[in-house]
């Protein structure tokens, strides 16, 4: 049963507006932005341990502590505009200690890759299916071996803007966290035509 404490009802968003027609351009430019992350060394697979969850929780808390600041008009020749929205590099977000939803999510995504978590994606989509504004978050989908030897894939949604907790996708009702694009290193996926269905099916 979905718990309202696990996912509080969304309040009015302050995120910068992105109209649907610019999403393909944003996806292309974001792929270029994320390309350097493709060269981060991939750590060897490791067995599931509580320490992995503790590590993810610690990174999520760090990302959530960045002050949320909506994008302003860029100033100076060094700061360029990315399809009406400025995407900070993870190092820039950490240095400034602030950013909007995609800046915080990108920092968390890059940090998890650097820490050896290769089973993650950066996602652009809607917090709720009926929302008019877009949002960014991270998905972590580890394969966990149970005591009976069976391997289970879990889907965790990591949202440093709205939540500090690590929640499984199945804890949210249908219509929440609808992906439009997802990214992993130099790869990208388009989910615009994916009907509302289980999150596990979307990210598999």
N, C-alpha and C. Protein backbone atom coordinates (compact mmCIF):
# COMPACT_ATOMS: atom_id res chain seq x y z
N UNK A 1 0.84 -1.19 0.00
CA UNK A 1 0.00 0.00 0.00
C UNK A 1 0.88 1.24 0.00
N UNK A 2 0.54 2.20 -0.82
CA UNK A 2 1.32 3.43 -0.90
C UNK A 2 1.13 4.25 0.34
N UNK A 3 2.25 4.71 0.88
CA UNK A 3 2.21 5.52 2.09
C UNK A 3 2.43 6.96 1.74
N UNK A 4 1.55 7.86 2.23
CA UNK A 4 1.71 9.27 1.93
C UNK A 4 2.95 9.84 2.56
N UNK A 5 3.43 9.21 3.63
CA UNK A 5 4.65 9.68 4.26
C UNK A 5 5.87 9.37 3.41
N UNK A 6 5.78 8.31 2.59
CA UNK A 6 6.89 7.94 1.71
C UNK A 6 7.00 8.88 0.53
N UNK A 7 5.86 9.41 0.09
CA UNK A 7 5.87 10.29 -1.08
C UNK A 7 4.87 11.40 -0.84
N UNK A 8 5.24 12.48 -0.20
CA UNK A 8 4.30 13.56 0.07
C UNK A 8 3.75 14.13 -1.22
N UNK A 9 2.53 14.62 -1.16
CA UNK A 9 1.91 15.18 -2.35
C UNK A 9 2.70 16.38 -2.81
N UNK A 10 2.93 16.50 -4.12
CA UNK A 10 3.78 17.56 -4.63
C UNK A 10 3.18 18.93 -4.41
N UNK A 11 4.02 19.90 -4.12
CA UNK A 11 3.59 21.27 -4.01
C UNK A 11 3.89 21.98 -5.31
N UNK A 12 3.53 23.22 -5.40
CA UNK A 12 3.75 23.97 -6.63
C UNK A 12 5.23 24.01 -6.97
N UNK A 13 5.57 23.62 -8.18
CA UNK A 13 6.97 23.51 -8.57
C UNK A 13 7.56 24.88 -8.87
N UNK A 14 8.86 24.99 -8.56
CA UNK A 14 9.60 26.21 -8.91
C UNK A 14 10.58 25.95 -10.04
N UNK A 15 10.52 24.78 -10.65
CA UNK A 15 11.51 24.42 -11.65
C UNK A 15 11.32 25.25 -12.92
N UNK A 16 12.43 25.45 -13.60
CA UNK A 16 12.39 26.22 -14.84
C UNK A 16 11.53 25.51 -15.87
N UNK A 17 10.73 26.30 -16.61
CA UNK A 17 9.82 25.70 -17.59
C UNK A 17 10.58 25.20 -18.81
N UNK A 18 10.25 24.00 -19.24
CA UNK A 18 10.80 23.45 -20.47
C UNK A 18 9.63 22.97 -21.32
N UNK A 19 9.41 23.57 -22.47
CA UNK A 19 8.31 23.15 -23.32
C UNK A 19 8.67 21.84 -24.01
N UNK A 20 7.67 20.98 -24.29
CA UNK A 20 7.94 19.64 -24.84
C UNK A 20 8.75 19.65 -26.13
N UNK A 21 8.61 20.68 -26.97
CA UNK A 21 9.30 20.64 -28.27
C UNK A 21 10.80 20.74 -28.14
N UNK A 22 11.33 21.21 -27.01
CA UNK A 22 12.78 21.33 -26.89
C UNK A 22 13.41 20.10 -26.24
N UNK A 23 12.59 19.14 -25.84
CA UNK A 23 13.15 17.97 -25.17
C UNK A 23 14.12 17.18 -26.05
N UNK A 24 13.82 16.92 -27.33
CA UNK A 24 14.82 16.21 -28.15
C UNK A 24 16.14 16.95 -28.23
N UNK A 25 16.11 18.29 -28.36
CA UNK A 25 17.35 19.06 -28.39
C UNK A 25 18.07 18.97 -27.06
N UNK A 26 17.31 19.02 -25.97
CA UNK A 26 17.91 18.89 -24.65
C UNK A 26 18.58 17.54 -24.49
N UNK A 27 17.92 16.48 -24.98
CA UNK A 27 18.49 15.14 -24.86
C UNK A 27 19.81 15.04 -25.61
N UNK A 28 19.86 15.63 -26.81
CA UNK A 28 21.08 15.58 -27.60
C UNK A 28 22.22 16.32 -26.91
N UNK A 29 21.93 17.50 -26.40
CA UNK A 29 22.98 18.29 -25.76
C UNK A 29 23.39 17.68 -24.43
N UNK A 30 22.42 17.07 -23.73
CA UNK A 30 22.77 16.43 -22.47
C UNK A 30 23.67 15.23 -22.70
N UNK A 31 23.47 14.51 -23.81
CA UNK A 31 24.36 13.40 -24.15
C UNK A 31 25.79 13.89 -24.33
N UNK A 32 25.95 15.05 -24.98
CA UNK A 32 27.28 15.63 -25.15
C UNK A 32 27.87 16.03 -23.80
N UNK A 33 27.01 16.59 -22.93
CA UNK A 33 27.47 17.02 -21.62
C UNK A 33 27.94 15.84 -20.78
N UNK A 34 27.24 14.70 -20.90
CA UNK A 34 27.57 13.54 -20.08
C UNK A 34 28.66 12.67 -20.68
N UNK A 35 29.07 12.94 -21.92
CA UNK A 35 30.04 12.08 -22.59
C UNK A 35 31.32 11.87 -21.79
N UNK A 36 31.87 12.90 -21.14
CA UNK A 36 33.11 12.64 -20.37
C UNK A 36 32.94 11.62 -19.27
N UNK A 37 31.71 11.46 -18.76
CA UNK A 37 31.49 10.49 -17.69
C UNK A 37 31.62 9.06 -18.20
N UNK A 38 31.56 8.88 -19.52
CA UNK A 38 31.67 7.53 -20.08
C UNK A 38 33.05 6.96 -19.87
N UNK A 39 34.02 7.79 -19.55
CA UNK A 39 35.38 7.33 -19.40
C UNK A 39 35.76 7.02 -17.95
N UNK A 40 34.78 7.22 -17.05
CA UNK A 40 35.04 6.85 -15.66
C UNK A 40 35.18 5.34 -15.58
N UNK A 41 36.20 4.85 -14.92
CA UNK A 41 36.43 3.40 -14.84
C UNK A 41 35.26 2.70 -14.19
N UNK A 42 34.84 1.59 -14.78
CA UNK A 42 33.73 0.81 -14.25
C UNK A 42 34.27 -0.16 -13.20
N UNK A 43 33.75 -0.03 -12.00
CA UNK A 43 34.19 -0.93 -10.93
C UNK A 43 33.62 -2.32 -11.18
N UNK A 44 34.33 -3.38 -10.78
CA UNK A 44 33.80 -4.73 -10.94
C UNK A 44 32.54 -4.94 -10.13
N UNK A 45 31.61 -5.78 -10.61
CA UNK A 45 30.38 -6.01 -9.88
C UNK A 45 30.67 -6.54 -8.48
N UNK A 46 29.89 -6.11 -7.52
CA UNK A 46 30.07 -6.59 -6.15
C UNK A 46 28.75 -7.10 -5.62
N UNK A 47 28.82 -7.99 -4.68
CA UNK A 47 27.62 -8.56 -4.09
C UNK A 47 26.90 -7.50 -3.28
N UNK A 48 25.57 -7.67 -3.19
CA UNK A 48 24.77 -6.73 -2.42
C UNK A 48 25.18 -6.76 -0.96
N UNK A 49 25.30 -5.58 -0.37
CA UNK A 49 25.63 -5.47 1.05
C UNK A 49 24.95 -4.23 1.59
N UNK A 50 24.70 -4.22 2.89
CA UNK A 50 24.07 -3.07 3.51
C UNK A 50 24.93 -1.83 3.34
N UNK A 51 26.25 -2.02 3.26
CA UNK A 51 27.14 -0.88 3.09
C UNK A 51 26.85 -0.13 1.80
N UNK A 52 26.41 -0.85 0.75
CA UNK A 52 26.06 -0.19 -0.51
C UNK A 52 24.88 0.75 -0.31
N UNK A 53 23.86 0.27 0.39
CA UNK A 53 22.70 1.12 0.66
C UNK A 53 23.09 2.31 1.52
N UNK A 54 23.92 2.09 2.53
CA UNK A 54 24.36 3.18 3.38
C UNK A 54 25.11 4.23 2.58
N UNK A 55 25.92 3.76 1.64
CA UNK A 55 26.69 4.68 0.80
C UNK A 55 25.78 5.51 -0.09
N UNK A 56 24.78 4.87 -0.66
CA UNK A 56 23.83 5.58 -1.52
C UNK A 56 23.03 6.60 -0.70
N UNK A 57 22.60 6.20 0.48
CA UNK A 57 21.86 7.13 1.34
C UNK A 57 22.70 8.35 1.68
N UNK A 58 23.98 8.13 1.97
CA UNK A 58 24.86 9.24 2.32
C UNK A 58 25.03 10.20 1.15
N UNK A 59 25.18 9.66 -0.07
CA UNK A 59 25.32 10.51 -1.25
C UNK A 59 24.03 11.28 -1.52
N UNK A 60 22.89 10.63 -1.33
CA UNK A 60 21.61 11.29 -1.55
C UNK A 60 21.42 12.44 -0.57
N UNK A 61 21.78 12.22 0.69
CA UNK A 61 21.66 13.29 1.68
C UNK A 61 22.56 14.47 1.30
N UNK A 62 23.78 14.17 0.85
CA UNK A 62 24.68 15.25 0.43
C UNK A 62 24.09 16.05 -0.73
N UNK A 63 23.53 15.34 -1.70
CA UNK A 63 22.94 16.02 -2.85
C UNK A 63 21.73 16.86 -2.44
N UNK A 64 20.94 16.35 -1.51
CA UNK A 64 19.73 17.06 -1.08
C UNK A 64 20.06 18.32 -0.30
N UNK A 65 21.27 18.40 0.24
CA UNK A 65 21.66 19.56 1.04
C UNK A 65 22.08 20.75 0.19
N UNK A 66 22.31 20.54 -1.09
CA UNK A 66 22.58 21.68 -1.95
C UNK A 66 21.33 22.57 -1.98
N UNK A 67 21.53 23.85 -1.81
CA UNK A 67 20.41 24.78 -1.79
C UNK A 67 19.74 24.83 -3.17
N UNK A 68 18.42 24.72 -3.18
CA UNK A 68 17.71 24.78 -4.46
C UNK A 68 17.63 26.23 -4.91
N UNK A 69 18.17 26.49 -6.10
CA UNK A 69 18.11 27.82 -6.70
C UNK A 69 17.74 27.65 -8.16
N UNK A 70 16.64 28.25 -8.56
CA UNK A 70 16.22 28.16 -9.96
C UNK A 70 17.17 28.95 -10.83
N UNK A 71 17.29 28.54 -12.08
CA UNK A 71 18.21 29.20 -13.00
C UNK A 71 17.80 30.63 -13.26
N UNK A 72 18.81 31.49 -13.31
CA UNK A 72 18.62 32.88 -13.71
C UNK A 72 19.24 33.06 -15.08
N UNK A 73 19.00 34.20 -15.69
CA UNK A 73 19.60 34.47 -17.00
C UNK A 73 21.11 34.46 -16.86
N UNK A 74 21.84 33.75 -17.74
CA UNK A 74 23.29 33.66 -17.63
C UNK A 74 23.95 35.02 -17.84
N UNK A 75 25.04 35.23 -17.15
CA UNK A 75 25.80 36.47 -17.31
C UNK A 75 27.25 36.13 -17.59
N UNK A 76 27.91 36.93 -18.38
CA UNK A 76 29.31 36.70 -18.67
C UNK A 76 29.49 35.73 -19.82
N UNK A 77 30.62 35.87 -20.51
CA UNK A 77 30.88 35.02 -21.68
C UNK A 77 31.14 33.57 -21.30
N UNK A 78 31.53 33.30 -20.04
CA UNK A 78 31.88 31.94 -19.64
C UNK A 78 30.66 31.07 -19.43
N UNK A 79 29.50 31.67 -19.22
CA UNK A 79 28.31 30.89 -18.90
C UNK A 79 27.37 30.86 -20.10
N UNK A 80 27.17 29.67 -20.65
CA UNK A 80 26.36 29.54 -21.85
C UNK A 80 24.99 28.98 -21.51
N UNK A 81 24.06 29.23 -22.39
CA UNK A 81 22.68 28.82 -22.18
C UNK A 81 22.46 27.46 -22.84
N UNK A 82 21.82 26.53 -22.13
CA UNK A 82 21.54 25.21 -22.70
C UNK A 82 20.04 25.05 -22.85
N UNK A 83 19.52 25.33 -24.05
CA UNK A 83 18.11 25.17 -24.37
C UNK A 83 17.24 25.84 -23.30
N UNK A 84 17.54 27.08 -22.97
CA UNK A 84 16.73 27.80 -22.00
C UNK A 84 16.99 27.43 -20.56
N UNK A 85 17.97 26.57 -20.31
CA UNK A 85 18.27 26.15 -18.94
C UNK A 85 19.76 25.87 -18.86
N UNK A 86 20.39 26.28 -17.76
CA UNK A 86 21.82 26.08 -17.61
C UNK A 86 22.08 24.85 -16.74
N UNK A 87 22.80 23.88 -17.30
CA UNK A 87 23.14 22.66 -16.58
C UNK A 87 24.56 22.80 -16.03
N UNK A 88 24.68 22.85 -14.72
CA UNK A 88 25.99 22.98 -14.10
C UNK A 88 26.73 21.65 -14.15
N UNK A 89 28.04 21.72 -14.27
CA UNK A 89 28.86 20.53 -14.09
C UNK A 89 28.80 20.12 -12.62
N UNK A 90 28.97 18.82 -12.32
CA UNK A 90 28.93 18.38 -10.92
C UNK A 90 29.92 19.13 -10.04
N UNK A 91 31.11 19.41 -10.56
CA UNK A 91 32.11 20.14 -9.79
C UNK A 91 31.63 21.55 -9.48
N UNK A 92 30.92 22.15 -10.41
CA UNK A 92 30.41 23.50 -10.22
C UNK A 92 29.33 23.52 -9.15
N UNK A 93 28.44 22.52 -9.18
CA UNK A 93 27.39 22.43 -8.16
C UNK A 93 28.00 22.26 -6.77
N UNK A 94 29.01 21.40 -6.68
CA UNK A 94 29.65 21.17 -5.38
C UNK A 94 30.36 22.42 -4.89
N UNK A 95 30.99 23.14 -5.79
CA UNK A 95 31.70 24.36 -5.41
C UNK A 95 30.73 25.45 -4.95
N UNK A 96 29.63 25.62 -5.69
CA UNK A 96 28.67 26.66 -5.36
C UNK A 96 27.77 26.29 -4.19
N UNK A 97 27.55 24.97 -4.02
CA UNK A 97 26.66 24.52 -2.95
C UNK A 97 25.20 24.76 -3.25
N UNK A 98 24.88 24.90 -4.52
CA UNK A 98 23.48 25.17 -4.90
C UNK A 98 23.23 24.74 -6.34
N UNK A 99 21.96 24.67 -6.69
CA UNK A 99 21.58 24.29 -8.05
C UNK A 99 20.10 23.97 -8.08
N UNK A 100 19.58 23.72 -9.28
CA UNK A 100 18.18 23.31 -9.37
C UNK A 100 18.10 21.80 -9.50
N UNK A 101 16.94 21.27 -9.88
CA UNK A 101 16.73 19.82 -9.80
C UNK A 101 17.70 19.03 -10.66
N UNK A 102 17.98 19.52 -11.89
CA UNK A 102 18.87 18.73 -12.75
C UNK A 102 20.32 18.85 -12.28
N UNK A 103 20.69 19.98 -11.69
CA UNK A 103 22.05 20.12 -11.19
C UNK A 103 22.31 19.16 -10.03
N UNK A 104 21.34 19.05 -9.13
CA UNK A 104 21.48 18.16 -7.98
C UNK A 104 21.47 16.69 -8.41
N UNK A 105 20.58 16.37 -9.37
CA UNK A 105 20.50 15.00 -9.86
C UNK A 105 21.76 14.61 -10.63
N UNK A 106 22.28 15.53 -11.44
CA UNK A 106 23.50 15.25 -12.20
C UNK A 106 24.68 15.05 -11.26
N UNK A 107 24.77 15.84 -10.19
CA UNK A 107 25.84 15.65 -9.21
C UNK A 107 25.76 14.27 -8.59
N UNK A 108 24.55 13.85 -8.20
CA UNK A 108 24.37 12.53 -7.57
C UNK A 108 24.71 11.42 -8.55
N UNK A 109 24.26 11.54 -9.79
CA UNK A 109 24.54 10.53 -10.82
C UNK A 109 26.04 10.37 -11.04
N UNK A 110 26.74 11.50 -11.22
CA UNK A 110 28.18 11.45 -11.47
C UNK A 110 28.93 10.90 -10.26
N UNK A 111 28.48 11.26 -9.07
CA UNK A 111 29.14 10.80 -7.85
C UNK A 111 28.98 9.29 -7.69
N UNK A 112 27.80 8.77 -8.00
CA UNK A 112 27.58 7.34 -7.89
C UNK A 112 28.43 6.57 -8.89
N UNK A 113 28.55 7.09 -10.10
CA UNK A 113 29.43 6.45 -11.09
C UNK A 113 30.87 6.42 -10.58
N UNK A 114 31.31 7.55 -10.04
CA UNK A 114 32.68 7.63 -9.54
C UNK A 114 32.93 6.68 -8.38
N UNK A 115 31.87 6.39 -7.60
CA UNK A 115 32.00 5.49 -6.45
C UNK A 115 31.82 4.03 -6.85
N UNK A 116 31.65 3.74 -8.14
CA UNK A 116 31.56 2.37 -8.59
C UNK A 116 30.16 1.83 -8.80
N UNK A 117 29.13 2.68 -8.68
CA UNK A 117 27.76 2.24 -8.94
C UNK A 117 27.47 2.43 -10.42
N UNK A 118 27.58 1.36 -11.18
CA UNK A 118 27.38 1.47 -12.63
C UNK A 118 25.92 1.27 -13.03
N UNK A 119 25.09 0.75 -12.13
CA UNK A 119 23.69 0.47 -12.44
C UNK A 119 22.81 1.65 -12.07
N UNK A 120 23.08 2.80 -12.70
CA UNK A 120 22.33 4.02 -12.43
C UNK A 120 22.00 4.71 -13.75
N UNK A 121 20.96 5.51 -13.72
CA UNK A 121 20.60 6.36 -14.86
C UNK A 121 20.18 7.73 -14.36
N UNK A 122 20.48 8.73 -15.16
CA UNK A 122 19.96 10.08 -14.96
C UNK A 122 18.68 10.20 -15.78
N UNK A 123 17.63 10.70 -15.19
CA UNK A 123 16.31 10.69 -15.84
C UNK A 123 15.72 12.10 -15.91
N UNK A 124 15.14 12.41 -17.06
CA UNK A 124 14.34 13.63 -17.24
C UNK A 124 12.91 13.20 -17.49
N UNK A 125 11.97 13.78 -16.77
CA UNK A 125 10.57 13.40 -16.97
C UNK A 125 9.65 14.27 -16.14
N UNK A 126 8.55 13.68 -15.70
CA UNK A 126 7.56 14.39 -14.91
C UNK A 126 7.47 13.74 -13.51
N UNK A 127 7.41 14.58 -12.48
CA UNK A 127 7.21 14.07 -11.13
C UNK A 127 5.83 13.41 -11.03
N UNK A 128 4.85 14.05 -11.66
CA UNK A 128 3.52 13.45 -11.80
C UNK A 128 3.14 13.51 -13.26
N UNK A 129 2.39 12.54 -13.70
CA UNK A 129 2.03 12.45 -15.12
C UNK A 129 1.27 13.69 -15.58
N UNK A 130 0.51 14.30 -14.68
CA UNK A 130 -0.31 15.46 -15.05
C UNK A 130 0.44 16.78 -14.95
N UNK A 131 1.70 16.75 -14.50
CA UNK A 131 2.47 17.98 -14.32
C UNK A 131 2.77 18.64 -15.65
N UNK A 132 2.86 19.97 -15.64
CA UNK A 132 3.21 20.71 -16.85
C UNK A 132 4.69 21.05 -16.90
N UNK A 133 5.38 20.89 -15.77
CA UNK A 133 6.81 21.19 -15.69
C UNK A 133 7.61 19.91 -15.63
N UNK A 134 8.88 20.00 -16.01
CA UNK A 134 9.73 18.82 -16.04
C UNK A 134 10.66 18.77 -14.83
N UNK A 135 11.16 17.59 -14.56
CA UNK A 135 11.93 17.32 -13.35
C UNK A 135 13.08 16.38 -13.71
N UNK A 136 14.06 16.26 -12.82
CA UNK A 136 15.18 15.35 -13.04
C UNK A 136 15.47 14.58 -11.76
N UNK A 137 15.82 13.30 -11.90
CA UNK A 137 16.13 12.45 -10.76
C UNK A 137 17.08 11.34 -11.22
N UNK A 138 17.46 10.47 -10.30
CA UNK A 138 18.36 9.36 -10.58
C UNK A 138 17.64 8.05 -10.27
N UNK A 139 17.87 7.05 -11.10
CA UNK A 139 17.34 5.71 -10.84
C UNK A 139 18.51 4.76 -10.59
N UNK A 140 18.42 4.00 -9.55
CA UNK A 140 19.41 2.98 -9.19
C UNK A 140 18.72 1.63 -9.23
N UNK A 141 19.26 0.69 -10.02
CA UNK A 141 18.59 -0.60 -10.21
C UNK A 141 19.56 -1.76 -9.99
N UNK A 142 19.95 -1.99 -8.73
CA UNK A 142 20.87 -3.09 -8.45
C UNK A 142 20.19 -4.45 -8.54
N UNK A 143 20.97 -5.46 -8.87
CA UNK A 143 20.50 -6.85 -8.82
C UNK A 143 20.99 -7.45 -7.50
N UNK A 144 20.05 -7.93 -6.71
CA UNK A 144 20.35 -8.38 -5.36
C UNK A 144 20.07 -9.87 -5.24
N UNK A 145 21.02 -10.59 -4.70
CA UNK A 145 20.85 -12.03 -4.50
C UNK A 145 20.30 -12.29 -3.10
N UNK A 146 19.17 -12.96 -3.03
CA UNK A 146 18.54 -13.26 -1.76
C UNK A 146 19.16 -14.47 -1.09
N UNK A 147 18.66 -14.78 0.09
CA UNK A 147 19.18 -15.91 0.84
C UNK A 147 18.93 -17.24 0.13
N UNK A 148 17.88 -17.28 -0.70
CA UNK A 148 17.58 -18.51 -1.43
C UNK A 148 18.38 -18.63 -2.72
N UNK A 149 19.24 -17.66 -3.00
CA UNK A 149 20.06 -17.70 -4.20
C UNK A 149 19.43 -17.03 -5.40
N UNK A 150 18.14 -16.68 -5.31
CA UNK A 150 17.46 -16.02 -6.42
C UNK A 150 17.92 -14.57 -6.54
N UNK A 151 18.06 -14.11 -7.78
CA UNK A 151 18.50 -12.74 -8.03
C UNK A 151 17.28 -11.88 -8.34
N UNK A 152 17.18 -10.77 -7.66
CA UNK A 152 16.06 -9.85 -7.83
C UNK A 152 16.59 -8.48 -8.21
N UNK A 153 15.95 -7.86 -9.19
CA UNK A 153 16.32 -6.50 -9.54
C UNK A 153 15.37 -5.53 -8.85
N UNK A 154 15.94 -4.61 -8.11
CA UNK A 154 15.15 -3.59 -7.43
C UNK A 154 15.34 -2.25 -8.12
N UNK A 155 14.30 -1.46 -8.14
CA UNK A 155 14.33 -0.16 -8.78
C UNK A 155 14.15 0.90 -7.70
N UNK A 156 15.20 1.69 -7.47
CA UNK A 156 15.14 2.76 -6.48
C UNK A 156 15.13 4.11 -7.18
N UNK A 157 14.26 5.00 -6.72
CA UNK A 157 14.21 6.37 -7.23
C UNK A 157 14.91 7.29 -6.25
N UNK A 158 15.91 8.00 -6.71
CA UNK A 158 16.69 8.89 -5.87
C UNK A 158 16.44 10.33 -6.34
N UNK A 159 15.74 11.09 -5.53
CA UNK A 159 15.37 12.44 -5.90
C UNK A 159 15.89 13.43 -4.85
N UNK A 160 17.05 14.02 -5.08
CA UNK A 160 17.62 14.92 -4.07
C UNK A 160 16.89 16.25 -3.92
N UNK A 161 15.95 16.54 -4.81
CA UNK A 161 15.19 17.78 -4.70
C UNK A 161 13.95 17.62 -3.84
N UNK A 162 13.27 16.47 -3.95
CA UNK A 162 12.01 16.28 -3.24
C UNK A 162 12.10 15.35 -2.04
N UNK A 163 13.03 14.39 -2.04
CA UNK A 163 13.09 13.39 -0.97
C UNK A 163 14.53 13.12 -0.55
N UNK A 164 14.72 12.85 0.72
CA UNK A 164 16.03 12.40 1.20
C UNK A 164 16.05 10.90 1.42
N UNK A 165 14.91 10.26 1.30
CA UNK A 165 14.85 8.82 1.52
C UNK A 165 15.07 8.05 0.24
N UNK A 166 15.53 6.80 0.39
CA UNK A 166 15.71 5.90 -0.75
C UNK A 166 14.47 5.02 -0.83
N UNK A 167 13.62 5.27 -1.83
CA UNK A 167 12.37 4.54 -1.96
C UNK A 167 12.37 3.69 -3.23
N UNK A 168 11.75 2.53 -3.13
CA UNK A 168 11.60 1.69 -4.32
C UNK A 168 10.48 2.25 -5.19
N UNK A 169 10.60 2.05 -6.50
CA UNK A 169 9.60 2.57 -7.43
C UNK A 169 8.21 2.03 -7.13
N UNK A 170 8.12 0.79 -6.64
CA UNK A 170 6.82 0.19 -6.38
C UNK A 170 6.11 0.84 -5.20
N UNK A 171 6.80 1.68 -4.44
CA UNK A 171 6.17 2.37 -3.33
C UNK A 171 5.38 3.59 -3.79
N UNK A 172 5.56 3.98 -5.04
CA UNK A 172 4.85 5.13 -5.58
C UNK A 172 3.64 4.66 -6.39
N UNK A 173 2.55 5.41 -6.37
CA UNK A 173 1.40 5.03 -7.19
C UNK A 173 1.68 5.29 -8.66
N UNK A 174 0.94 4.67 -9.51
CA UNK A 174 1.09 4.88 -10.94
C UNK A 174 0.84 6.35 -11.27
N UNK A 175 1.66 6.88 -12.14
CA UNK A 175 1.52 8.28 -12.53
C UNK A 175 2.60 9.17 -11.95
N UNK A 176 3.36 8.66 -10.98
CA UNK A 176 4.47 9.42 -10.42
C UNK A 176 5.77 9.02 -11.13
N UNK A 177 6.67 9.97 -11.23
CA UNK A 177 8.00 9.76 -11.81
C UNK A 177 7.91 9.08 -13.19
N UNK A 178 7.30 9.80 -14.12
CA UNK A 178 7.17 9.31 -15.49
C UNK A 178 8.39 9.76 -16.30
N UNK A 179 9.22 8.83 -16.79
CA UNK A 179 10.43 9.21 -17.52
C UNK A 179 10.15 9.62 -18.96
N UNK A 180 10.86 10.61 -19.44
CA UNK A 180 10.83 11.00 -20.85
C UNK A 180 12.15 10.60 -21.52
N UNK A 181 13.26 10.85 -20.83
CA UNK A 181 14.56 10.43 -21.32
C UNK A 181 15.37 9.90 -20.13
N UNK A 182 16.22 8.91 -20.40
CA UNK A 182 17.16 8.46 -19.37
C UNK A 182 18.52 8.28 -20.02
N UNK A 183 19.57 8.44 -19.19
CA UNK A 183 20.94 8.47 -19.67
C UNK A 183 21.83 7.61 -18.79
N UNK A 184 22.74 6.89 -19.46
CA UNK A 184 23.77 6.14 -18.74
C UNK A 184 25.06 6.26 -19.54
N UNK A 185 26.00 7.00 -18.99
CA UNK A 185 27.25 7.27 -19.69
C UNK A 185 26.95 7.83 -21.08
N UNK A 186 27.41 7.19 -22.15
CA UNK A 186 27.20 7.70 -23.49
C UNK A 186 25.91 7.18 -24.12
N UNK A 187 25.13 6.41 -23.39
CA UNK A 187 23.87 5.86 -23.90
C UNK A 187 22.69 6.71 -23.46
N UNK A 188 21.62 6.67 -24.25
CA UNK A 188 20.40 7.36 -23.86
C UNK A 188 19.19 6.58 -24.36
N UNK A 189 18.08 6.74 -23.66
CA UNK A 189 16.83 6.07 -23.99
C UNK A 189 15.72 7.11 -24.04
N UNK A 190 14.80 6.91 -24.97
CA UNK A 190 13.66 7.80 -25.13
C UNK A 190 12.40 7.06 -24.70
N UNK A 191 11.69 7.63 -23.73
CA UNK A 191 10.50 6.97 -23.17
C UNK A 191 9.22 7.74 -23.46
N UNK A 192 9.27 8.69 -24.39
CA UNK A 192 8.11 9.55 -24.62
C UNK A 192 6.87 8.77 -25.04
N UNK A 193 7.07 7.67 -25.75
CA UNK A 193 5.92 6.90 -26.23
C UNK A 193 5.63 5.68 -25.36
N UNK A 194 6.33 5.60 -24.22
CA UNK A 194 6.10 4.48 -23.32
C UNK A 194 4.85 4.73 -22.51
N UNK A 195 3.84 3.86 -22.59
CA UNK A 195 2.63 4.07 -21.79
C UNK A 195 2.92 3.90 -20.31
N UNK A 196 2.05 4.48 -19.49
CA UNK A 196 2.21 4.35 -18.04
C UNK A 196 2.14 2.87 -17.65
N UNK A 197 3.18 2.38 -17.03
CA UNK A 197 3.23 0.98 -16.63
C UNK A 197 4.21 0.87 -15.48
N UNK A 198 4.57 -0.34 -15.10
CA UNK A 198 5.45 -0.50 -13.95
C UNK A 198 6.83 0.09 -14.24
N UNK A 199 7.43 0.71 -13.22
CA UNK A 199 8.74 1.32 -13.40
C UNK A 199 9.79 0.28 -13.75
N UNK A 200 9.63 -0.93 -13.24
CA UNK A 200 10.60 -1.99 -13.53
C UNK A 200 10.64 -2.28 -15.03
N UNK A 201 9.47 -2.25 -15.68
CA UNK A 201 9.42 -2.52 -17.11
C UNK A 201 10.08 -1.39 -17.90
N UNK A 202 9.96 -0.16 -17.42
CA UNK A 202 10.53 0.98 -18.12
C UNK A 202 12.06 0.94 -18.11
N UNK A 203 12.66 0.61 -16.96
CA UNK A 203 14.11 0.71 -16.82
C UNK A 203 14.83 -0.60 -17.06
N UNK A 204 14.12 -1.65 -17.40
CA UNK A 204 14.77 -2.96 -17.62
C UNK A 204 15.59 -2.94 -18.89
